[in-house]
Amino acid sequence: MLVIQVTQIYDPVGFAAAFLIRAKMEMQALWQAGVCWEEEPPLTVCSKWIELFKEMKELNKITFQRRLCCANASEPPMLCIFSDASQYAFGACAYICQRTNDNTYHVRLITAKSRVAPLKQLSIPRLELQAAVLTSRLAKTVQQESRIRFQSMKLFTDSTIMLASIQSQSQSFKRFVSACVGEIQTNTDLSQWRHIPGEVNVADDVSRRI
């Protein structure tokens, strides 16, 4: 029943990714606890899901402007994608950013993706690497599928370890890290990656839930 409720939520663009990751994490907790599909979850678990579904109704009050580009822009748009990971989940969110004629910036969320961390526990650096892979895929998809022609692209992460890893030859790592680094290097230009302090990384909401 819970699975049906969660899968009924239609959010292909990922505007609610930072909230819906909570439902994914709760589903993973049920699997870890060994709760079968037909089995009734414990009362403590049911109460948490009831509260979650109540909060989901509040999503109906959230609105987004459909137009991404700015009418009074003074320069072409830039694509900015933020990446982050925690022990629970990882994700990425993409924004369009344009300078306006009055020297301010027009920013709109384009899309976001979130994933729960694997059941097999991984270190935070490895999860940050997976978040970067997701970011590189998102960057490739947005550029291929969008009619907007971006002047430039910047990719942000708060992981200095991840940044150091992708600057190295992928063959120098073991298989898992090598595959991740190789895909990131294929999908993106290393000069596009930037470090950002964790406290201002907007992808923190996607990886830690709200």
C-alpha atoms as a PDB file:
ATOM      1  CA  MET A   1       0.000   0.000   0.000  1.00  0.00           C
ATOM      2  CA  LEU A   2       2.783   2.427   0.908  1.00  0.00           C
ATOM      3  CA  VAL A   3       4.578   1.688  -2.364  1.00  0.00           C
ATOM      4  CA  ILE A   4       1.421   2.509  -4.331  1.00  0.00           C
ATOM      5  CA  GLN A   5       0.988   5.788  -2.478  1.00  0.00           C
ATOM      6  CA  VAL A   6       4.572   6.846  -3.160  1.00  0.00           C
ATOM      7  CA  THR A   7       4.589   5.837  -6.839  1.00  0.00           C
ATOM      8  CA  GLN A   8       1.393   7.827  -7.441  1.00  0.00           C
ATOM      9  CA  ILE A   9       3.300  11.067  -6.864  1.00  0.00           C
ATOM     10  CA  TYR A  10       4.077  12.502 -10.294  1.00  0.00           C
ATOM     11  CA  ASP A  11       7.208  14.643 -10.247  1.00  0.00           C
ATOM     12  CA  PRO A  12       9.212  13.958 -13.440  1.00  0.00           C
ATOM     13  CA  VAL A  13      11.094  17.272 -13.279  1.00  0.00           C
ATOM     14  CA  GLY A  14      12.152  16.811  -9.663  1.00  0.00           C
ATOM     15  CA  PHE A  15      10.738  20.018  -8.191  1.00  0.00           C
ATOM     16  CA  ALA A  16       9.824  18.064  -5.036  1.00  0.00           C
ATOM     17  CA  ALA A  17      12.967  15.905  -4.978  1.00  0.00           C
ATOM     18  CA  ALA A  18      14.246  17.387  -1.706  1.00  0.00           C
ATOM     19  CA  PHE A  19      10.996  16.393  -0.007  1.00  0.00           C
ATOM     20  CA  LEU A  20      10.212  13.084  -1.737  1.00  0.00           C
ATOM     21  CA  ILE A  21      13.636  11.676  -0.879  1.00  0.00           C
ATOM     22  CA  ARG A  22      12.174  11.265   2.621  1.00  0.00           C
ATOM     23  CA  ALA A  23       9.633   8.776   1.293  1.00  0.00           C
ATOM     24  CA  LYS A  24      12.368   6.853  -0.536  1.00  0.00           C
ATOM     25  CA  MET A  25      14.449   6.705   2.635  1.00  0.00           C
ATOM     26  CA  GLU A  26      11.485   5.458   4.685  1.00  0.00           C
ATOM     27  CA  MET A  27      10.832   2.744   2.086  1.00  0.00           C
ATOM     28  CA  GLN A  28      14.449   1.660   2.327  1.00  0.00           C
ATOM     29  CA  ALA A  29      14.135   1.515   6.131  1.00  0.00           C
ATOM     30  CA  LEU A  30      11.158  -0.848   5.762  1.00  0.00           C
ATOM     31  CA  TRP A  31      13.168  -3.162   3.503  1.00  0.00           C
ATOM     32  CA  GLN A  32      16.043  -3.125   5.980  1.00  0.00           C
ATOM     33  CA  ALA A  33      13.638  -4.021   8.781  1.00  0.00           C
ATOM     34  CA  GLY A  34      12.410  -7.017   6.770  1.00  0.00           C
ATOM     35  CA  VAL A  35       8.793  -5.846   6.471  1.00  0.00           C
ATOM     36  CA  CYS A  36       7.090  -7.862   3.695  1.00  0.00           C
ATOM     37  CA  TRP A  37       4.827  -6.315   1.048  1.00  0.00           C
ATOM     38  CA  GLU A  38       1.613  -7.726   2.544  1.00  0.00           C
ATOM     39  CA  GLU A  39       2.707  -7.226   6.152  1.00  0.00           C
ATOM     40  CA  GLU A  40       1.298  -4.400   8.266  1.00  0.00           C
ATOM     41  CA  PRO A  41       4.144  -2.102   9.424  1.00  0.00           C
ATOM     42  CA  PRO A  42       4.557  -1.426  13.169  1.00  0.00           C
ATOM     43  CA  LEU A  43       2.390   1.368  14.632  1.00  0.00           C
ATOM     44  CA  THR A  44       5.417   3.640  15.134  1.00  0.00           C
ATOM     45  CA  VAL A  45       6.251   3.316  11.432  1.00  0.00           C
ATOM     46  CA  CYS A  46       2.631   3.867  10.380  1.00  0.00           C
ATOM     47  CA  SER A  47       2.424   7.096  12.378  1.00  0.00           C
ATOM     48  CA  LYS A  48       5.532   8.435  10.603  1.00  0.00           C
ATOM     49  CA  TRP A  49       4.011   7.645   7.198  1.00  0.00           C
ATOM     50  CA  ILE A  50       0.711   9.294   8.144  1.00  0.00           C
ATOM     51  CA  GLU A  51       2.563  12.479   9.046  1.00  0.00           C
ATOM     52  CA  LEU A  52       4.547  12.283   5.814  1.00  0.00           C
ATOM     53  CA  PHE A  53       1.405  11.926   3.699  1.00  0.00           C
ATOM     54  CA  LYS A  54      -0.152  14.894   5.514  1.00  0.00           C
ATOM     55  CA  GLU A  55       2.878  16.994   4.620  1.00  0.00           C
ATOM     56  CA  MET A  56       2.672  15.836   1.008  1.00  0.00           C
ATOM     57  CA  LYS A  57      -0.690  17.585   0.666  1.00  0.00           C
ATOM     58  CA  GLU A  58       1.129  20.860   1.292  1.00  0.00           C
ATOM     59  CA  LEU A  59       2.960  20.375  -2.020  1.00  0.00           C
ATOM     60  CA  ASN A  60      -0.252  21.465  -3.753  1.00  0.00           C
ATOM     61  CA  LYS A  61       0.353  24.974  -2.426  1.00  0.00           C
ATOM     62  CA  ILE A  62       3.809  25.286  -3.998  1.00  0.00           C
ATOM     63  CA  THR A  63       4.036  26.985  -7.381  1.00  0.00           C
ATOM     64  CA  PHE A  64       6.833  27.551  -9.899  1.00  0.00           C
ATOM     65  CA  GLN A  65       7.048  29.938 -12.816  1.00  0.00           C
ATOM     66  CA  ARG A  66       7.111  27.997 -16.063  1.00  0.00           C
ATOM     67  CA  ARG A  67       9.295  30.515 -17.885  1.00  0.00           C
ATOM     68  CA  LEU A  68      12.989  29.845 -17.339  1.00  0.00           C
ATOM     69  CA  CYS A  69      14.643  32.654 -19.287  1.00  0.00           C
ATOM     70  CA  CYS A  70      14.605  36.286 -18.253  1.00  0.00           C
ATOM     71  CA  ALA A  71      13.017  38.896 -20.541  1.00  0.00           C
ATOM     72  CA  ASN A  72      15.444  41.690 -19.613  1.00  0.00           C
ATOM     73  CA  ALA A  73      18.661  39.649 -19.557  1.00  0.00           C
ATOM     74  CA  SER A  74      21.907  41.425 -20.413  1.00  0.00           C
ATOM     75  CA  GLU A  75      23.788  38.234 -21.307  1.00  0.00           C
ATOM     76  CA  PRO A  76      23.102  34.614 -22.343  1.00  0.00           C
ATOM     77  CA  PRO A  77      22.120  32.122 -19.598  1.00  0.00           C
ATOM     78  CA  MET A  78      24.515  30.012 -17.573  1.00  0.00           C
ATOM     79  CA  LEU A  79      23.789  26.477 -16.370  1.00  0.00           C
ATOM     80  CA  CYS A  80      24.678  25.883 -12.709  1.00  0.00           C
ATOM     81  CA  ILE A  81      24.398  22.402 -11.185  1.00  0.00           C
ATOM     82  CA  PHE A  82      24.994  21.613  -7.521  1.00  0.00           C
ATOM     83  CA  SER A  83      26.015  18.208  -6.161  1.00  0.00           C
ATOM     84  CA  ASP A  84      25.930  16.794  -2.634  1.00  0.00           C
ATOM     85  CA  ALA A  85      25.823  13.547  -0.662  1.00  0.00           C
ATOM     86  CA  SER A  86      25.124  12.420   2.884  1.00  0.00           C
ATOM     87  CA  GLN A  87      25.098   9.008   4.544  1.00  0.00           C
ATOM     88  CA  TYR A  88      21.402   8.748   3.688  1.00  0.00           C
ATOM     89  CA  ALA A  89      21.126  10.018   0.111  1.00  0.00           C
ATOM     90  CA  PHE A  90      22.760  11.957  -2.701  1.00  0.00           C
ATOM     91  CA  GLY A  91      21.494  14.241  -5.409  1.00  0.00           C
ATOM     92  CA  ALA A  92      21.916  17.120  -7.816  1.00  0.00           C
ATOM     93  CA  CYS A  93      19.897  20.190  -8.784  1.00  0.00           C
ATOM     94  CA  ALA A  94      20.224  22.315 -11.911  1.00  0.00           C
ATOM     95  CA  TYR A  95      19.523  26.041 -12.204  1.00  0.00           C
ATOM     96  CA  ILE A  96      19.512  28.591 -14.998  1.00  0.00           C
ATOM     97  CA  CYS A  97      21.193  31.865 -14.095  1.00  0.00           C
ATOM     98  CA  GLN A  98      21.159  35.139 -16.054  1.00  0.00           C
ATOM     99  CA  ARG A  99      22.425  38.641 -15.354  1.00  0.00           C
ATOM    100  CA  THR A 100      19.726  41.270 -15.916  1.00  0.00           C
ATOM    101  CA  ASN A 101      19.922  44.840 -17.213  1.00  0.00           C
ATOM    102  CA  ASP A 102      19.741  46.225 -13.670  1.00  0.00           C
ATOM    103  CA  ASN A 103      22.810  44.137 -12.699  1.00  0.00           C
ATOM    104  CA  THR A 104      20.914  41.551 -10.619  1.00  0.00           C
ATOM    105  CA  TYR A 105      20.610  37.825 -11.293  1.00  0.00           C
ATOM    106  CA  HIS A 106      17.568  35.899 -12.457  1.00  0.00           C
ATOM    107  CA  VAL A 107      17.663  32.289 -11.191  1.00  0.00           C
ATOM    108  CA  ARG A 108      15.208  29.441 -11.819  1.00  0.00           C
ATOM    109  CA  LEU A 109      15.268  25.753 -10.889  1.00  0.00           C
ATOM    110  CA  ILE A 110      15.342  23.585 -14.007  1.00  0.00           C
ATOM    111  CA  THR A 111      15.359  20.071 -12.582  1.00  0.00           C
ATOM    112  CA  ALA A 112      16.624  17.946  -9.694  1.00  0.00           C
ATOM    113  CA  LYS A 113      17.446  14.300  -9.036  1.00  0.00           C
ATOM    114  CA  SER A 114      17.779  12.397  -5.768  1.00  0.00           C
ATOM    115  CA  ARG A 115      18.838   8.854  -4.896  1.00  0.00           C
ATOM    116  CA  VAL A 116      18.941   6.966  -1.607  1.00  0.00           C
ATOM    117  CA  ALA A 117      22.339   5.708  -0.525  1.00  0.00           C
ATOM    118  CA  PRO A 118      22.938   1.996  -1.245  1.00  0.00           C
ATOM    119  CA  LEU A 119      22.071  -0.542   1.468  1.00  0.00           C
ATOM    120  CA  LYS A 120      25.713  -1.561   1.424  1.00  0.00           C
ATOM    121  CA  GLN A 121      27.294   1.232   3.426  1.00  0.00           C
ATOM    122  CA  LEU A 122      29.701   3.413   1.464  1.00  0.00           C
ATOM    123  CA  SER A 123      32.063   6.111   2.683  1.00  0.00           C
ATOM    124  CA  ILE A 124      31.012   9.744   2.258  1.00  0.00           C
ATOM    125  CA  PRO A 125      33.750  10.355  -0.378  1.00  0.00           C
ATOM    126  CA  ARG A 126      32.364   7.480  -2.462  1.00  0.00           C
ATOM    127  CA  LEU A 127      28.826   8.797  -2.084  1.00  0.00           C
ATOM    128  CA  GLU A 128      30.051  12.259  -3.111  1.00  0.00           C
ATOM    129  CA  LEU A 129      31.553  10.610  -6.167  1.00  0.00           C
ATOM    130  CA  GLN A 130      28.215   8.998  -7.011  1.00  0.00           C
ATOM    131  CA  ALA A 131      26.552  12.388  -6.581  1.00  0.00           C
ATOM    132  CA  ALA A 132      29.064  13.828  -9.042  1.00  0.00           C
ATOM    133  CA  VAL A 133      28.241  11.061 -11.545  1.00  0.00           C
ATOM    134  CA  LEU A 134      24.554  11.940 -11.200  1.00  0.00           C
ATOM    135  CA  THR A 135      25.460  15.609 -11.684  1.00  0.00           C
ATOM    136  CA  SER A 136      27.424  14.869 -14.859  1.00  0.00           C
ATOM    137  CA  ARG A 137      24.502  12.875 -16.273  1.00  0.00           C
ATOM    138  CA  LEU A 138      22.081  15.655 -15.389  1.00  0.00           C
ATOM    139  CA  ALA A 139      24.334  18.211 -17.080  1.00  0.00           C
ATOM    140  CA  LYS A 140      24.488  16.120 -20.242  1.00  0.00           C
ATOM    141  CA  THR A 141      20.712  15.574 -20.299  1.00  0.00           C
ATOM    142  CA  VAL A 142      19.805  19.229 -19.719  1.00  0.00           C
ATOM    143  CA  GLN A 143      22.103  20.403 -22.500  1.00  0.00           C
ATOM    144  CA  GLN A 144      20.865  17.768 -24.944  1.00  0.00           C
ATOM    145  CA  GLU A 145      17.135  18.090 -24.220  1.00  0.00           C
ATOM    146  CA  SER A 146      16.814  21.840 -23.638  1.00  0.00           C
ATOM    147  CA  ARG A 147      16.203  24.333 -26.436  1.00  0.00           C
ATOM    148  CA  ILE A 148      18.138  26.898 -24.398  1.00  0.00           C
ATOM    149  CA  ARG A 149      21.712  27.492 -25.485  1.00  0.00           C
ATOM    150  CA  PHE A 150      23.806  28.073 -22.392  1.00  0.00           C
ATOM    151  CA  GLN A 151      26.793  30.391 -22.600  1.00  0.00           C
ATOM    152  CA  SER A 152      28.655  28.373 -19.973  1.00  0.00           C
ATOM    153  CA  MET A 153      28.194  25.706 -17.342  1.00  0.00           C
ATOM    154  CA  LYS A 154      29.493  25.452 -13.782  1.00  0.00           C
ATOM    155  CA  LEU A 155      29.286  22.387 -11.555  1.00  0.00           C
ATOM    156  CA  PHE A 156      29.530  22.813  -7.792  1.00  0.00           C
ATOM    157  CA  THR A 157      30.484  20.393  -5.018  1.00  0.00           C
ATOM    158  CA  ASP A 158      31.609  20.820  -1.413  1.00  0.00           C
ATOM    159  CA  SER A 159      33.830  17.715  -1.588  1.00  0.00           C
ATOM    160  CA  THR A 160      37.512  18.536  -2.096  1.00  0.00           C
ATOM    161  CA  ILE A 161      38.287  14.798  -2.172  1.00  0.00           C
ATOM    162  CA  MET A 162      35.947  14.327  -5.126  1.00  0.00           C
ATOM    163  CA  LEU A 163      37.501  17.279  -6.957  1.00  0.00           C
ATOM    164  CA  ALA A 164      40.973  15.846  -6.429  1.00  0.00           C
ATOM    165  CA  SER A 165      39.820  12.423  -7.670  1.00  0.00           C
ATOM    166  CA  ILE A 166      38.458  13.634 -10.993  1.00  0.00           C
ATOM    167  CA  GLN A 167      41.706  15.499 -11.690  1.00  0.00           C
ATOM    168  CA  SER A 168      43.552  12.143 -11.741  1.00  0.00           C
ATOM    169  CA  GLN A 169      43.713   9.404 -14.349  1.00  0.00           C
ATOM    170  CA  SER A 170      40.729   7.076 -13.911  1.00  0.00           C
ATOM    171  CA  GLN A 171      42.929   4.005 -14.476  1.00  0.00           C
ATOM    172  CA  SER A 172      44.849   4.768 -11.281  1.00  0.00           C
ATOM    173  CA  PHE A 173      41.872   3.821  -9.083  1.00  0.00           C
ATOM    174  CA  LYS A 174      40.144   0.570  -8.254  1.00  0.00           C
ATOM    175  CA  ARG A 175      37.212  -0.500 -10.429  1.00  0.00           C
ATOM    176  CA  PHE A 176      34.322   1.345  -8.694  1.00  0.00           C
ATOM    177  CA  VAL A 177      36.102   4.690  -8.358  1.00  0.00           C
ATOM    178  CA  SER A 178      37.684   4.294 -11.791  1.00  0.00           C
ATOM    179  CA  ALA A 179      34.272   3.832 -13.433  1.00  0.00           C
ATOM    180  CA  CYS A 180      32.825   6.883 -11.660  1.00  0.00           C
ATOM    181  CA  VAL A 181      35.785   9.135 -12.441  1.00  0.00           C
ATOM    182  CA  GLY A 182      35.849   7.976 -16.061  1.00  0.00           C
ATOM    183  CA  GLU A 183      32.159   8.785 -16.568  1.00  0.00           C
ATOM    184  CA  ILE A 184      32.503  12.226 -14.966  1.00  0.00           C
ATOM    185  CA  GLN A 185      35.498  13.021 -17.184  1.00  0.00           C
ATOM    186  CA  THR A 186      33.564  11.866 -20.253  1.00  0.00           C
ATOM    187  CA  ASN A 187      30.388  13.827 -19.529  1.00  0.00           C
ATOM    188  CA  THR A 188      31.954  17.083 -18.331  1.00  0.00           C
ATOM    189  CA  ASP A 189      34.988  19.312 -18.715  1.00  0.00           C
ATOM    190  CA  LEU A 190      37.091  19.350 -15.536  1.00  0.00           C
ATOM    191  CA  SER A 191      37.471  23.139 -15.801  1.00  0.00           C
ATOM    192  CA  GLN A 192      33.729  23.440 -15.195  1.00  0.00           C
ATOM    193  CA  TRP A 193      33.927  22.025 -11.665  1.00  0.00           C
ATOM    194  CA  ARG A 194      34.083  24.376  -8.686  1.00  0.00           C
ATOM    195  CA  HIS A 195      34.293  24.007  -4.911  1.00  0.00           C
ATOM    196  CA  ILE A 196      31.513  25.534  -2.828  1.00  0.00           C
ATOM    197  CA  PRO A 197      31.258  25.677   0.996  1.00  0.00           C
ATOM    198  CA  GLY A 198      28.835  23.111   2.364  1.00  0.00           C
ATOM    199  CA  GLU A 199      26.695  25.685   4.191  1.00  0.00           C
ATOM    200  CA  VAL A 200      25.754  27.407   0.912  1.00  0.00           C
ATOM    201  CA  ASN A 201      25.422  24.293  -1.240  1.00  0.00           C
ATOM    202  CA  VAL A 202      21.743  24.198  -2.234  1.00  0.00           C
ATOM    203  CA  ALA A 203      21.996  20.475  -3.101  1.00  0.00           C
ATOM    204  CA  ASP A 204      22.299  19.862   0.637  1.00  0.00           C
ATOM    205  CA  ASP A 205      18.479  19.844   0.770  1.00  0.00           C
ATOM    206  CA  VAL A 206      18.337  17.068  -1.832  1.00  0.00           C
ATOM    207  CA  SER A 207      20.767  14.821   0.054  1.00  0.00           C
ATOM    208  CA  ARG A 208      19.547  15.474   3.613  1.00  0.00           C
ATOM    209  CA  ARG A 209      15.763  15.966   3.032  1.00  0.00           C
ATOM    210  CA  ILE A 210      13.411  18.755   4.032  1.00  0.00           C
END
